[in-house]
Amino acid sequence: MQLDKKKLDTAKTLFDSSRKGDVWTPRNVILAAIALLYFVSPVDLVPDWAFPLVGWLDDAGIIAAVVCWILTHRGKPQNKT
């Protein structure tokens, strides 16, 4: 199977352009702090002490959702000139 150079360059350009931008915008920092507080807080939607596995999955789901949000909602790229 032969790789098409033009398609490979296009894919690389799309990947590189999607990774530009500031990850730690004020909104993302606040979301990360809230997720961390939720993770360490004894008050959960599903209590860890009552349902250990489901409670841990609840915490992991919140953390995963916030990480996905942060990685997909980056700020504007900053010029480093």
PDB file of N, CA and C in Angstrom:
ATOM      1  N   MET A   1       0.845  -1.174   0.000  1.00  0.00           N
ATOM      2  CA  MET A   1       0.000   0.000   0.000  1.00  0.00           C
ATOM      3  C   MET A   1       0.893   1.240   0.000  1.00  0.00           C
ATOM      4  N   GLN A   2       0.643   2.121  -0.909  1.00  0.00           N
ATOM      5  CA  GLN A   2       1.441   3.332  -1.080  1.00  0.00           C
ATOM      6  C   GLN A   2       0.756   4.509  -0.384  1.00  0.00           C
ATOM      7  N   LEU A   3       1.502   5.256   0.411  1.00  0.00           N
ATOM      8  CA  LEU A   3       0.964   6.453   1.046  1.00  0.00           C
ATOM      9  C   LEU A   3       1.078   7.632   0.096  1.00  0.00           C
ATOM     10  N   ASP A   4       0.004   8.377   0.014  1.00  0.00           N
ATOM     11  CA  ASP A   4      -0.014   9.566  -0.830  1.00  0.00           C
ATOM     12  C   ASP A   4       0.614  10.719  -0.046  1.00  0.00           C
ATOM     13  N   LYS A   5       1.664  11.304  -0.571  1.00  0.00           N
ATOM     14  CA  LYS A   5       2.406  12.365   0.112  1.00  0.00           C
ATOM     15  C   LYS A   5       1.510  13.565   0.399  1.00  0.00           C
ATOM     16  N   LYS A   6       0.639  13.926  -0.545  1.00  0.00           N
ATOM     17  CA  LYS A   6      -0.232  15.073  -0.361  1.00  0.00           C
ATOM     18  C   LYS A   6      -1.207  14.835   0.796  1.00  0.00           C
ATOM     19  N   LYS A   7      -1.788  13.647   0.879  1.00  0.00           N
ATOM     20  CA  LYS A   7      -2.715  13.326   1.964  1.00  0.00           C
ATOM     21  C   LYS A   7      -1.989  13.297   3.309  1.00  0.00           C
ATOM     22  N   LEU A   8      -0.787  12.787   3.310  1.00  0.00           N
ATOM     23  CA  LEU A   8       0.007  12.742   4.535  1.00  0.00           C
ATOM     24  C   LEU A   8       0.337  14.150   5.022  1.00  0.00           C
ATOM     25  N   ASP A   9       0.708  15.044   4.108  1.00  0.00           N
ATOM     26  CA  ASP A   9       0.992  16.432   4.473  1.00  0.00           C
ATOM     27  C   ASP A   9      -0.268  17.144   4.985  1.00  0.00           C
ATOM     28  N   THR A  10      -1.397  16.872   4.347  1.00  0.00           N
ATOM     29  CA  THR A  10      -2.661  17.467   4.789  1.00  0.00           C
ATOM     30  C   THR A  10      -3.014  17.006   6.192  1.00  0.00           C
ATOM     31  N   ALA A  11      -2.876  15.717   6.453  1.00  0.00           N
ATOM     32  CA  ALA A  11      -3.165  15.188   7.783  1.00  0.00           C
ATOM     33  C   ALA A  11      -2.236  15.791   8.829  1.00  0.00           C
ATOM     34  N   LYS A  12      -0.972  15.943   8.489  1.00  0.00           N
ATOM     35  CA  LYS A  12      -0.015  16.533   9.430  1.00  0.00           C
ATOM     36  C   LYS A  12      -0.371  17.982   9.720  1.00  0.00           C
ATOM     37  N   THR A  13      -0.769  18.729   8.695  1.00  0.00           N
ATOM     38  CA  THR A  13      -1.157  20.123   8.876  1.00  0.00           C
ATOM     39  C   THR A  13      -2.385  20.232   9.773  1.00  0.00           C
ATOM     40  N   LEU A  14      -3.384  19.381   9.537  1.00  0.00           N
ATOM     41  CA  LEU A  14      -4.587  19.400  10.371  1.00  0.00           C
ATOM     42  C   LEU A  14      -4.255  19.057  11.818  1.00  0.00           C
ATOM     43  N   PHE A  15      -3.418  18.065  12.022  1.00  0.00           N
ATOM     44  CA  PHE A  15      -3.048  17.662  13.376  1.00  0.00           C
ATOM     45  C   PHE A  15      -2.280  18.769  14.076  1.00  0.00           C
ATOM     46  N   ASP A  16      -1.327  19.381  13.388  1.00  0.00           N
ATOM     47  CA  ASP A  16      -0.529  20.445  13.993  1.00  0.00           C
ATOM     48  C   ASP A  16      -1.384  21.665  14.323  1.00  0.00           C
ATOM     49  N   SER A  17      -2.319  22.018  13.431  1.00  0.00           N
ATOM     50  CA  SER A  17      -3.133  23.201  13.681  1.00  0.00           C
ATOM     51  C   SER A  17      -4.107  22.968  14.825  1.00  0.00           C
ATOM     52  N   SER A  18      -4.520  21.742  15.044  1.00  0.00           N
ATOM     53  CA  SER A  18      -5.453  21.477  16.142  1.00  0.00           C
ATOM     54  C   SER A  18      -4.748  21.468  17.488  1.00  0.00           C
ATOM     55  N   ARG A  19      -3.429  21.382  17.506  1.00  0.00           N
ATOM     56  CA  ARG A  19      -2.697  21.332  18.763  1.00  0.00           C
ATOM     57  C   ARG A  19      -2.176  22.690  19.197  1.00  0.00           C
ATOM     58  N   LYS A  20      -2.416  23.704  18.391  1.00  0.00           N
ATOM     59  CA  LYS A  20      -1.958  25.041  18.750  1.00  0.00           C
ATOM     60  C   LYS A  20      -2.966  25.686  19.689  1.00  0.00           C
ATOM     61  N   GLY A  21      -2.498  26.576  20.503  1.00  0.00           N
ATOM     62  CA  GLY A  21      -3.374  27.303  21.409  1.00  0.00           C
ATOM     63  C   GLY A  21      -2.972  27.078  22.843  1.00  0.00           C
ATOM     64  N   ASP A  22      -3.379  28.001  23.664  1.00  0.00           N
ATOM     65  CA  ASP A  22      -3.042  27.949  25.075  1.00  0.00           C
ATOM     66  C   ASP A  22      -4.021  27.038  25.804  1.00  0.00           C
ATOM     67  N   VAL A  23      -3.509  26.023  26.468  1.00  0.00           N
ATOM     68  CA  VAL A  23      -4.356  25.085  27.195  1.00  0.00           C
ATOM     69  C   VAL A  23      -4.852  25.712  28.493  1.00  0.00           C
ATOM     70  N   TRP A  24      -4.005  26.450  29.163  1.00  0.00           N
ATOM     71  CA  TRP A  24      -4.338  26.959  30.496  1.00  0.00           C
ATOM     72  C   TRP A  24      -4.911  28.365  30.443  1.00  0.00           C
ATOM     73  N   THR A  25      -6.073  28.487  29.823  1.00  0.00           N
ATOM     74  CA  THR A  25      -6.805  29.745  29.860  1.00  0.00           C
ATOM     75  C   THR A  25      -7.444  29.866  31.241  1.00  0.00           C
ATOM     76  N   PRO A  26      -7.855  31.045  31.647  1.00  0.00           N
ATOM     77  CA  PRO A  26      -8.491  31.181  32.970  1.00  0.00           C
ATOM     78  C   PRO A  26      -9.689  30.250  33.154  1.00  0.00           C
ATOM     79  N   ARG A  27     -10.506  30.095  32.117  1.00  0.00           N
ATOM     80  CA  ARG A  27     -11.665  29.200  32.217  1.00  0.00           C
ATOM     81  C   ARG A  27     -11.228  27.761  32.447  1.00  0.00           C
ATOM     82  N   ASN A  28     -10.198  27.311  31.726  1.00  0.00           N
ATOM     83  CA  ASN A  28      -9.733  25.941  31.872  1.00  0.00           C
ATOM     84  C   ASN A  28      -9.088  25.699  33.234  1.00  0.00           C
ATOM     85  N   VAL A  29      -8.411  26.698  33.769  1.00  0.00           N
ATOM     86  CA  VAL A  29      -7.819  26.564  35.100  1.00  0.00           C
ATOM     87  C   VAL A  29      -8.921  26.423  36.149  1.00  0.00           C
ATOM     88  N   ILE A  30      -9.975  27.217  36.009  1.00  0.00           N
ATOM     89  CA  ILE A  30     -11.095  27.128  36.953  1.00  0.00           C
ATOM     90  C   ILE A  30     -11.768  25.763  36.858  1.00  0.00           C
ATOM     91  N   LEU A  31     -11.981  25.274  35.635  1.00  0.00           N
ATOM     92  CA  LEU A  31     -12.592  23.950  35.459  1.00  0.00           C
ATOM     93  C   LEU A  31     -11.724  22.849  36.063  1.00  0.00           C
ATOM     94  N   ALA A  32     -10.410  22.940  35.853  1.00  0.00           N
ATOM     95  CA  ALA A  32      -9.507  21.941  36.423  1.00  0.00           C
ATOM     96  C   ALA A  32      -9.535  21.989  37.946  1.00  0.00           C
ATOM     97  N   ALA A  33      -9.595  23.180  38.522  1.00  0.00           N
ATOM     98  CA  ALA A  33      -9.652  23.313  39.977  1.00  0.00           C
ATOM     99  C   ALA A  33     -10.953  22.738  40.524  1.00  0.00           C
ATOM    100  N   ILE A  34     -12.065  22.997  39.849  1.00  0.00           N
ATOM    101  CA  ILE A  34     -13.355  22.447  40.284  1.00  0.00           C
ATOM    102  C   ILE A  34     -13.343  20.929  40.202  1.00  0.00           C
ATOM    103  N   ALA A  35     -12.778  20.377  39.125  1.00  0.00           N
ATOM    104  CA  ALA A  35     -12.709  18.921  38.978  1.00  0.00           C
ATOM    105  C   ALA A  35     -11.838  18.306  40.070  1.00  0.00           C
ATOM    106  N   LEU A  36     -10.726  18.961  40.389  1.00  0.00           N
ATOM    107  CA  LEU A  36      -9.852  18.466  41.448  1.00  0.00           C
ATOM    108  C   LEU A  36     -10.554  18.525  42.802  1.00  0.00           C
ATOM    109  N   LEU A  37     -11.265  19.610  43.072  1.00  0.00           N
ATOM    110  CA  LEU A  37     -12.021  19.717  44.320  1.00  0.00           C
ATOM    111  C   LEU A  37     -13.113  18.648  44.402  1.00  0.00           C
ATOM    112  N   TYR A  38     -13.782  18.384  43.292  1.00  0.00           N
ATOM    113  CA  TYR A  38     -14.796  17.335  43.272  1.00  0.00           C
ATOM    114  C   TYR A  38     -14.171  15.970  43.550  1.00  0.00           C
ATOM    115  N   PHE A  39     -12.993  15.757  42.989  1.00  0.00           N
ATOM    116  CA  PHE A  39     -12.298  14.471  43.161  1.00  0.00           C
ATOM    117  C   PHE A  39     -11.926  14.228  44.625  1.00  0.00           C
ATOM    118  N   VAL A  40     -11.458  15.249  45.323  1.00  0.00           N
ATOM    119  CA  VAL A  40     -11.022  15.062  46.710  1.00  0.00           C
ATOM    120  C   VAL A  40     -12.143  15.291  47.717  1.00  0.00           C
ATOM    121  N   SER A  41     -13.264  15.825  47.275  1.00  0.00           N
ATOM    122  CA  SER A  41     -14.372  16.123  48.174  1.00  0.00           C
ATOM    123  C   SER A  41     -15.074  14.836  48.620  1.00  0.00           C
ATOM    124  N   PRO A  42     -15.474  14.788  49.886  1.00  0.00           N
ATOM    125  CA  PRO A  42     -16.238  13.622  50.344  1.00  0.00           C
ATOM    126  C   PRO A  42     -17.686  13.645  49.859  1.00  0.00           C
ATOM    127  N   VAL A  43     -18.149  14.773  49.357  1.00  0.00           N
ATOM    128  CA  VAL A  43     -19.521  14.891  48.861  1.00  0.00           C
ATOM    129  C   VAL A  43     -19.503  14.662  47.352  1.00  0.00           C
ATOM    130  N   ASP A  44     -20.148  13.592  46.896  1.00  0.00           N
ATOM    131  CA  ASP A  44     -20.185  13.219  45.481  1.00  0.00           C
ATOM    132  C   ASP A  44     -21.614  12.963  45.046  1.00  0.00           C
ATOM    133  N   LEU A  45     -21.806  12.869  43.742  1.00  0.00           N
ATOM    134  CA  LEU A  45     -23.100  12.419  43.231  1.00  0.00           C
ATOM    135  C   LEU A  45     -23.350  10.965  43.638  1.00  0.00           C
ATOM    136  N   VAL A  46     -22.313  10.152  43.538  1.00  0.00           N
ATOM    137  CA  VAL A  46     -22.364   8.758  43.976  1.00  0.00           C
ATOM    138  C   VAL A  46     -21.297   8.609  45.060  1.00  0.00           C
ATOM    139  N   PRO A  47     -21.696   8.431  46.320  1.00  0.00           N
ATOM    140  CA  PRO A  47     -20.718   8.377  47.417  1.00  0.00           C
ATOM    141  C   PRO A  47     -19.768   7.190  47.280  1.00  0.00           C
ATOM    142  N   ASP A  48     -18.473   7.463  47.501  1.00  0.00           N
ATOM    143  CA  ASP A  48     -17.457   6.410  47.412  1.00  0.00           C
ATOM    144  C   ASP A  48     -17.629   5.380  48.523  1.00  0.00           C
ATOM    145  N   TRP A  49     -18.057   5.809  49.690  1.00  0.00           N
ATOM    146  CA  TRP A  49     -18.185   4.880  50.812  1.00  0.00           C
ATOM    147  C   TRP A  49     -19.367   3.939  50.649  1.00  0.00           C
ATOM    148  N   ALA A  50     -20.406   4.369  49.943  1.00  0.00           N
ATOM    149  CA  ALA A  50     -21.589   3.528  49.772  1.00  0.00           C
ATOM    150  C   ALA A  50     -21.432   2.564  48.592  1.00  0.00           C
ATOM    151  N   PHE A  51     -20.897   3.057  47.501  1.00  0.00           N
ATOM    152  CA  PHE A  51     -20.715   2.264  46.292  1.00  0.00           C
ATOM    153  C   PHE A  51     -19.300   2.494  45.783  1.00  0.00           C
ATOM    154  N   PRO A  52     -18.311   1.777  46.341  1.00  0.00           N
ATOM    155  CA  PRO A  52     -16.909   2.099  46.033  1.00  0.00           C
ATOM    156  C   PRO A  52     -16.569   2.135  44.543  1.00  0.00           C
ATOM    157  N   LEU A  53     -16.844   1.120  43.794  1.00  0.00           N
ATOM    158  CA  LEU A  53     -16.455   1.085  42.391  1.00  0.00           C
ATOM    159  C   LEU A  53     -17.197   2.138  41.575  1.00  0.00           C
ATOM    160  N   VAL A  54     -18.498   2.224  41.769  1.00  0.00           N
ATOM    161  CA  VAL A  54     -19.296   3.197  41.028  1.00  0.00           C
ATOM    162  C   VAL A  54     -18.911   4.620  41.433  1.00  0.00           C
ATOM    163  N   GLY A  55     -18.616   4.827  42.697  1.00  0.00           N
ATOM    164  CA  GLY A  55     -18.182   6.139  43.170  1.00  0.00           C
ATOM    165  C   GLY A  55     -16.865   6.562  42.551  1.00  0.00           C
ATOM    166  N   TRP A  56     -15.944   5.625  42.420  1.00  0.00           N
ATOM    167  CA  TRP A  56     -14.652   5.934  41.791  1.00  0.00           C
ATOM    168  C   TRP A  56     -14.825   6.205  40.299  1.00  0.00           C
ATOM    169  N   LEU A  57     -15.713   5.449  39.651  1.00  0.00           N
ATOM    170  CA  LEU A  57     -15.979   5.693  38.230  1.00  0.00           C
ATOM    171  C   LEU A  57     -16.626   7.062  38.022  1.00  0.00           C
ATOM    172  N   ASP A  58     -17.449   7.460  38.956  1.00  0.00           N
ATOM    173  CA  ASP A  58     -18.057   8.789  38.919  1.00  0.00           C
ATOM    174  C   ASP A  58     -16.971   9.863  38.945  1.00  0.00           C
ATOM    175  N   ASP A  59     -16.030   9.735  39.864  1.00  0.00           N
ATOM    176  CA  ASP A  59     -14.918  10.691  39.945  1.00  0.00           C
ATOM    177  C   ASP A  59     -14.072  10.661  38.674  1.00  0.00           C
ATOM    178  N   ALA A  60     -13.779   9.470  38.185  1.00  0.00           N
ATOM    179  CA  ALA A  60     -12.971   9.335  36.970  1.00  0.00           C
ATOM    180  C   ALA A  60     -13.691   9.930  35.763  1.00  0.00           C
ATOM    181  N   GLY A  61     -15.002   9.785  35.708  1.00  0.00           N
ATOM    182  CA  GLY A  61     -15.778  10.352  34.609  1.00  0.00           C
ATOM    183  C   GLY A  61     -15.734  11.869  34.607  1.00  0.00           C
ATOM    184  N   ILE A  62     -15.822  12.468  35.780  1.00  0.00           N
ATOM    185  CA  ILE A  62     -15.747  13.930  35.877  1.00  0.00           C
ATOM    186  C   ILE A  62     -14.371  14.408  35.430  1.00  0.00           C
ATOM    187  N   ILE A  63     -13.321  13.747  35.912  1.00  0.00           N
ATOM    188  CA  ILE A  63     -11.954  14.122  35.538  1.00  0.00           C
ATOM    189  C   ILE A  63     -11.767  13.962  34.023  1.00  0.00           C
ATOM    190  N   ALA A  64     -12.225  12.851  33.460  1.00  0.00           N
ATOM    191  CA  ALA A  64     -12.076  12.605  32.021  1.00  0.00           C
ATOM    192  C   ALA A  64     -12.835  13.648  31.203  1.00  0.00           C
ATOM    193  N   ALA A  65     -14.033  14.006  31.641  1.00  0.00           N
ATOM    194  CA  ALA A  65     -14.817  15.005  30.911  1.00  0.00           C
ATOM    195  C   ALA A  65     -14.121  16.367  30.919  1.00  0.00           C
ATOM    196  N   VAL A  66     -13.551  16.736  32.057  1.00  0.00           N
ATOM    197  CA  VAL A  66     -12.866  18.032  32.150  1.00  0.00           C
ATOM    198  C   VAL A  66     -11.588  18.021  31.306  1.00  0.00           C
ATOM    199  N   VAL A  67     -10.850  16.913  31.328  1.00  0.00           N
ATOM    200  CA  VAL A  67      -9.637  16.824  30.507  1.00  0.00           C
ATOM    201  C   VAL A  67     -10.000  16.928  29.022  1.00  0.00           C
ATOM    202  N   CYS A  68     -11.044  16.240  28.597  1.00  0.00           N
ATOM    203  CA  CYS A  68     -11.476  16.336  27.193  1.00  0.00           C
ATOM    204  C   CYS A  68     -11.898  17.754  26.848  1.00  0.00           C
ATOM    205  N   TRP A  69     -12.620  18.404  27.753  1.00  0.00           N
ATOM    206  CA  TRP A  69     -13.042  19.783  27.518  1.00  0.00           C
ATOM    207  C   TRP A  69     -11.828  20.693  27.355  1.00  0.00           C
ATOM    208  N   ILE A  70     -10.867  20.557  28.261  1.00  0.00           N
ATOM    209  CA  ILE A  70      -9.683  21.416  28.224  1.00  0.00           C
ATOM    210  C   ILE A  70      -8.896  21.209  26.932  1.00  0.00           C
ATOM    211  N   LEU A  71      -8.751  19.970  26.515  1.00  0.00           N
ATOM    212  CA  LEU A  71      -7.966  19.697  25.314  1.00  0.00           C
ATOM    213  C   LEU A  71      -8.670  20.122  24.033  1.00  0.00           C
ATOM    214  N   THR A  72      -9.991  20.191  24.042  1.00  0.00           N
ATOM    215  CA  THR A  72     -10.707  20.584  22.831  1.00  0.00           C
ATOM    216  C   THR A  72     -11.052  22.067  22.796  1.00  0.00           C
ATOM    217  N   HIS A  73     -11.036  22.731  23.941  1.00  0.00           N
ATOM    218  CA  HIS A  73     -11.371  24.158  23.998  1.00  0.00           C
ATOM    219  C   HIS A  73     -10.147  24.952  24.435  1.00  0.00           C
ATOM    220  N   ARG A  74      -9.214  25.047  23.540  1.00  0.00           N
ATOM    221  CA  ARG A  74      -7.992  25.791  23.821  1.00  0.00           C
ATOM    222  C   ARG A  74      -8.213  27.261  23.501  1.00  0.00           C
ATOM    223  N   GLY A  75      -7.372  28.084  24.095  1.00  0.00           N
ATOM    224  CA  GLY A  75      -7.428  29.518  23.806  1.00  0.00           C
ATOM    225  C   GLY A  75      -6.763  29.817  22.475  1.00  0.00           C
ATOM    226  N   LYS A  76      -6.735  31.070  22.128  1.00  0.00           N
ATOM    227  CA  LYS A  76      -6.085  31.485  20.886  1.00  0.00           C
ATOM    228  C   LYS A  76      -4.588  31.297  20.988  1.00  0.00           C
ATOM    229  N   PRO A  77      -3.943  30.883  19.905  1.00  0.00           N
ATOM    230  CA  PRO A  77      -2.493  30.751  19.938  1.00  0.00           C
ATOM    231  C   PRO A  77      -1.833  32.087  20.218  1.00  0.00           C
ATOM    232  N   GLN A  78      -0.779  32.049  21.004  1.00  0.00           N
ATOM    233  CA  GLN A  78      -0.046  33.271  21.319  1.00  0.00           C
ATOM    234  C   GLN A  78       1.186  33.349  20.447  1.00  0.00           C
ATOM    235  N   ASN A  79       1.454  34.528  19.934  1.00  0.00           N
ATOM    236  CA  ASN A  79       2.644  34.736  19.121  1.00  0.00           C
ATOM    237  C   ASN A  79       3.847  34.819  20.034  1.00  0.00           C
ATOM    238  N   LYS A  80       4.867  34.051  19.722  1.00  0.00           N
ATOM    239  CA  LYS A  80       6.078  34.049  20.539  1.00  0.00           C
ATOM    240  C   LYS A  80       7.203  34.739  19.796  1.00  0.00           C
ATOM    241  N   THR A  81       6.952  36.001  19.450  1.00  0.00           N
ATOM    242  CA  THR A  81       7.963  36.761  18.714  1.00  0.00           C
ATOM    243  C   THR A  81       8.579  37.798  19.597  1.00  0.00           C
TER     244      THR A  81
END
